[in-house]
Amino acid sequence: MAIDPAASMQSDAFDPASNHLDARIDIGRTWLLRRRRELVVTRHDTGAVELRVEAGDQAQAGRLLAQVHGELHSKTVVEFFREWRVIS
C-alpha cells in the first residue's frame, strides 16, 4: 500500500502548501561534469525531499522555481502533490 506523503501535513482545506513545503534549485554535476539543475521540494518539519525533478538550463530553472513557488502559495499540499503526481 502506498503511503500518502501529505497525510502528516493535513490541516484545514485552505491551508497553503507553502506552510509545509519549500522549493529550491540544486546544482550538481553529471558524470560528464556538466552542470545539472534540479527542482527540489522539501518538507518544513523533517527536511525530507518529496519531489526532485530535472529543471533544465538556468533560465528554465528560474521559471520553474517561480511557477512552483506560486503553486505552493495558492494550492493545498494535496492539490500540489496531485498536480505534480507525488500522489494519485
N, C-alpha and C. Protein backbone atom coordinates (compact mmCIF):
# COMPACT_ATOMS: atom_id res chain seq x y z
N MET A 1 0.84 -1.17 0.00
CA MET A 1 0.00 0.00 0.00
C MET A 1 0.88 1.24 0.00
N ALA A 2 0.59 2.20 -0.87
CA ALA A 2 1.37 3.43 -0.96
C ALA A 2 1.03 4.35 0.20
N ILE A 3 2.06 5.01 0.70
CA ILE A 3 1.88 5.96 1.79
C ILE A 3 1.64 7.33 1.20
N ASP A 4 0.62 8.01 1.68
CA ASP A 4 0.28 9.34 1.22
C ASP A 4 1.23 10.34 1.86
N PRO A 5 2.14 11.00 1.09
CA PRO A 5 3.09 11.92 1.69
C PRO A 5 2.44 13.15 2.30
N ALA A 6 1.20 13.42 1.95
CA ALA A 6 0.51 14.57 2.51
C ALA A 6 -0.19 14.25 3.82
N ALA A 7 -0.28 12.99 4.18
CA ALA A 7 -1.07 12.58 5.33
C ALA A 7 -0.64 13.27 6.62
N SER A 8 0.65 13.41 6.86
CA SER A 8 1.10 14.03 8.11
C SER A 8 1.09 15.54 8.05
N MET A 9 0.73 16.11 6.90
CA MET A 9 0.70 17.57 6.75
C MET A 9 -0.72 18.08 6.57
N GLN A 10 -1.70 17.26 6.91
CA GLN A 10 -3.08 17.67 6.72
C GLN A 10 -3.47 18.74 7.72
N SER A 11 -4.19 19.70 7.24
CA SER A 11 -4.75 20.75 8.10
C SER A 11 -6.03 21.20 7.45
N ASP A 12 -6.45 22.43 7.71
CA ASP A 12 -7.72 22.84 7.13
C ASP A 12 -7.60 22.91 5.61
N ALA A 13 -8.74 22.90 4.94
CA ALA A 13 -8.79 22.77 3.49
C ALA A 13 -8.15 23.94 2.75
N PHE A 14 -7.97 25.08 3.40
CA PHE A 14 -7.45 26.26 2.71
C PHE A 14 -6.02 26.60 3.13
N ASP A 15 -5.37 25.71 3.83
CA ASP A 15 -4.00 25.91 4.29
C ASP A 15 -3.05 25.77 3.09
N PRO A 16 -2.31 26.83 2.73
CA PRO A 16 -1.44 26.71 1.55
C PRO A 16 -0.27 25.76 1.79
N ALA A 17 0.13 25.11 0.73
CA ALA A 17 1.25 24.17 0.79
C ALA A 17 2.53 24.85 1.25
N SER A 18 2.66 26.15 1.02
CA SER A 18 3.87 26.87 1.43
C SER A 18 4.06 26.88 2.95
N ASN A 19 3.01 26.57 3.71
CA ASN A 19 3.14 26.44 5.16
C ASN A 19 3.84 25.14 5.55
N HIS A 20 3.98 24.22 4.60
CA HIS A 20 4.53 22.90 4.89
C HIS A 20 5.70 22.50 4.01
N LEU A 21 5.81 23.13 2.83
CA LEU A 21 6.81 22.73 1.85
C LEU A 21 7.62 23.93 1.38
N ASP A 22 8.84 23.66 0.93
CA ASP A 22 9.69 24.69 0.35
C ASP A 22 10.29 24.14 -0.94
N ALA A 23 10.64 25.03 -1.85
CA ALA A 23 11.24 24.61 -3.13
C ALA A 23 12.53 25.38 -3.36
N ARG A 24 13.48 24.69 -4.02
CA ARG A 24 14.76 25.33 -4.35
C ARG A 24 15.32 24.64 -5.60
N ILE A 25 16.32 25.26 -6.18
CA ILE A 25 17.06 24.65 -7.28
C ILE A 25 18.41 24.20 -6.73
N ASP A 26 18.71 22.92 -6.89
CA ASP A 26 20.02 22.37 -6.54
C ASP A 26 20.85 22.24 -7.81
N ILE A 27 22.11 22.56 -7.70
CA ILE A 27 23.02 22.41 -8.84
C ILE A 27 24.04 21.34 -8.50
N GLY A 28 24.13 20.36 -9.35
CA GLY A 28 25.09 19.28 -9.18
C GLY A 28 25.85 19.07 -10.47
N ARG A 29 26.52 17.97 -10.55
CA ARG A 29 27.29 17.62 -11.75
C ARG A 29 26.87 16.25 -12.25
N THR A 30 26.82 16.11 -13.56
CA THR A 30 26.56 14.81 -14.16
C THR A 30 27.88 14.05 -14.20
N TRP A 31 27.84 12.81 -14.62
CA TRP A 31 29.07 12.03 -14.71
C TRP A 31 30.01 12.60 -15.76
N LEU A 32 29.50 13.45 -16.67
CA LEU A 32 30.34 14.12 -17.66
C LEU A 32 30.81 15.49 -17.16
N LEU A 33 30.55 15.77 -15.87
CA LEU A 33 30.92 17.02 -15.20
C LEU A 33 30.19 18.24 -15.74
N ARG A 34 29.05 18.01 -16.35
CA ARG A 34 28.18 19.12 -16.77
C ARG A 34 27.31 19.52 -15.59
N ARG A 35 26.95 20.80 -15.56
CA ARG A 35 26.04 21.25 -14.50
C ARG A 35 24.65 20.67 -14.73
N ARG A 36 24.04 20.27 -13.64
CA ARG A 36 22.68 19.72 -13.68
C ARG A 36 21.86 20.47 -12.65
N ARG A 37 20.76 21.05 -13.07
CA ARG A 37 19.87 21.77 -12.16
C ARG A 37 18.63 20.92 -11.90
N GLU A 38 18.29 20.80 -10.63
CA GLU A 38 17.11 20.03 -10.24
C GLU A 38 16.24 20.87 -9.32
N LEU A 39 14.93 20.79 -9.56
CA LEU A 39 13.96 21.37 -8.65
C LEU A 39 13.80 20.39 -7.50
N VAL A 40 13.93 20.88 -6.27
CA VAL A 40 13.80 20.03 -5.09
C VAL A 40 12.75 20.64 -4.17
N VAL A 41 11.75 19.85 -3.81
CA VAL A 41 10.70 20.27 -2.88
C VAL A 41 10.89 19.47 -1.60
N THR A 42 11.01 20.19 -0.47
CA THR A 42 11.25 19.54 0.82
C THR A 42 10.18 19.94 1.82
N ARG A 43 10.07 19.11 2.85
CA ARG A 43 9.13 19.36 3.95
C ARG A 43 9.78 20.28 4.98
N HIS A 44 9.00 21.19 5.54
CA HIS A 44 9.49 22.05 6.61
C HIS A 44 9.79 21.26 7.88
N ASP A 45 8.92 20.30 8.23
CA ASP A 45 9.04 19.63 9.52
C ASP A 45 10.21 18.66 9.61
N THR A 46 10.54 17.97 8.52
CA THR A 46 11.60 16.97 8.57
C THR A 46 12.76 17.24 7.64
N GLY A 47 12.56 18.13 6.67
CA GLY A 47 13.59 18.37 5.67
C GLY A 47 13.64 17.30 4.59
N ALA A 48 12.73 16.33 4.66
CA ALA A 48 12.71 15.23 3.70
C ALA A 48 12.37 15.75 2.30
N VAL A 49 13.01 15.17 1.30
CA VAL A 49 12.74 15.51 -0.09
C VAL A 49 11.48 14.79 -0.54
N GLU A 50 10.49 15.54 -1.00
CA GLU A 50 9.24 14.97 -1.50
C GLU A 50 9.21 14.91 -3.02
N LEU A 51 9.97 15.79 -3.67
CA LEU A 51 9.97 15.85 -5.13
C LEU A 51 11.33 16.32 -5.60
N ARG A 52 11.86 15.65 -6.61
CA ARG A 52 13.13 16.06 -7.24
C ARG A 52 12.98 15.79 -8.73
N VAL A 53 13.05 16.86 -9.55
CA VAL A 53 12.91 16.73 -11.00
C VAL A 53 13.95 17.60 -11.69
N GLU A 54 14.31 17.19 -12.90
CA GLU A 54 15.23 17.95 -13.74
C GLU A 54 14.62 19.34 -14.00
N ALA A 55 15.45 20.39 -13.90
CA ALA A 55 14.94 21.75 -14.03
C ALA A 55 15.40 22.46 -15.31
N GLY A 56 16.25 21.85 -16.11
CA GLY A 56 16.68 22.46 -17.36
C GLY A 56 17.83 23.43 -17.18
N ASP A 57 17.97 24.34 -18.13
CA ASP A 57 19.06 25.31 -18.06
C ASP A 57 18.73 26.39 -17.03
N GLN A 58 19.61 27.37 -16.88
CA GLN A 58 19.44 28.39 -15.84
C GLN A 58 18.12 29.15 -15.99
N ALA A 59 17.79 29.57 -17.20
CA ALA A 59 16.55 30.32 -17.41
C ALA A 59 15.32 29.45 -17.13
N GLN A 60 15.33 28.22 -17.63
CA GLN A 60 14.21 27.31 -17.39
C GLN A 60 14.05 27.02 -15.90
N ALA A 61 15.16 26.82 -15.21
CA ALA A 61 15.12 26.53 -13.77
C ALA A 61 14.50 27.70 -13.01
N GLY A 62 14.87 28.91 -13.39
CA GLY A 62 14.30 30.09 -12.73
C GLY A 62 12.80 30.19 -12.93
N ARG A 63 12.35 29.93 -14.16
CA ARG A 63 10.91 29.98 -14.43
C ARG A 63 10.17 28.87 -13.68
N LEU A 64 10.76 27.67 -13.66
CA LEU A 64 10.14 26.54 -12.96
C LEU A 64 10.03 26.83 -11.47
N LEU A 65 11.08 27.37 -10.89
CA LEU A 65 11.05 27.67 -9.46
C LEU A 65 9.99 28.73 -9.15
N ALA A 66 9.89 29.75 -9.99
CA ALA A 66 8.86 30.78 -9.79
C ALA A 66 7.46 30.17 -9.88
N GLN A 67 7.26 29.27 -10.85
CA GLN A 67 5.96 28.60 -11.00
C GLN A 67 5.63 27.79 -9.76
N VAL A 68 6.60 27.02 -9.28
CA VAL A 68 6.36 26.16 -8.11
C VAL A 68 6.09 27.00 -6.87
N HIS A 69 6.84 28.07 -6.67
CA HIS A 69 6.57 28.95 -5.52
C HIS A 69 5.14 29.49 -5.59
N GLY A 70 4.70 29.89 -6.78
CA GLY A 70 3.32 30.36 -6.93
C GLY A 70 2.31 29.28 -6.58
N GLU A 71 2.57 28.06 -7.02
CA GLU A 71 1.67 26.95 -6.72
C GLU A 71 1.68 26.60 -5.23
N LEU A 72 2.83 26.67 -4.59
CA LEU A 72 2.89 26.38 -3.15
C LEU A 72 2.07 27.38 -2.35
N HIS A 73 1.99 28.61 -2.84
CA HIS A 73 1.22 29.64 -2.12
C HIS A 73 -0.27 29.61 -2.45
N SER A 74 -0.64 28.98 -3.57
CA SER A 74 -2.04 29.01 -3.99
C SER A 74 -2.76 27.67 -3.90
N LYS A 75 -2.03 26.60 -3.60
CA LYS A 75 -2.64 25.27 -3.53
C LYS A 75 -2.40 24.66 -2.15
N THR A 76 -3.26 23.70 -1.81
CA THR A 76 -3.03 22.93 -0.60
C THR A 76 -1.95 21.89 -0.90
N VAL A 77 -1.46 21.22 0.13
CA VAL A 77 -0.46 20.18 -0.05
C VAL A 77 -1.00 19.08 -0.96
N VAL A 78 -2.22 18.65 -0.72
CA VAL A 78 -2.81 17.57 -1.52
C VAL A 78 -2.94 18.01 -2.98
N GLU A 79 -3.43 19.23 -3.21
CA GLU A 79 -3.55 19.72 -4.59
C GLU A 79 -2.19 19.78 -5.28
N PHE A 80 -1.17 20.28 -4.57
CA PHE A 80 0.16 20.38 -5.14
C PHE A 80 0.71 18.99 -5.49
N PHE A 81 0.61 18.06 -4.54
CA PHE A 81 1.11 16.71 -4.78
C PHE A 81 0.37 16.02 -5.92
N ARG A 82 -0.93 16.22 -6.02
CA ARG A 82 -1.69 15.60 -7.11
C ARG A 82 -1.25 16.17 -8.45
N GLU A 83 -1.08 17.48 -8.53
CA GLU A 83 -0.66 18.09 -9.78
C GLU A 83 0.71 17.60 -10.22
N TRP A 84 1.61 17.45 -9.27
CA TRP A 84 2.98 17.00 -9.58
C TRP A 84 3.09 15.49 -9.52
N ARG A 85 1.95 14.79 -9.35
CA ARG A 85 1.88 13.33 -9.37
C ARG A 85 2.73 12.65 -8.31
N VAL A 86 2.86 13.32 -7.14
CA VAL A 86 3.52 12.69 -6.00
C VAL A 86 2.54 11.70 -5.38
N ILE A 87 1.23 12.04 -5.45
CA ILE A 87 0.17 11.11 -5.05
C ILE A 87 -0.85 11.08 -6.18
N SER A 88 -1.65 10.02 -6.22
CA SER A 88 -2.66 9.92 -7.28
C SER A 88 -4.03 10.23 -6.73
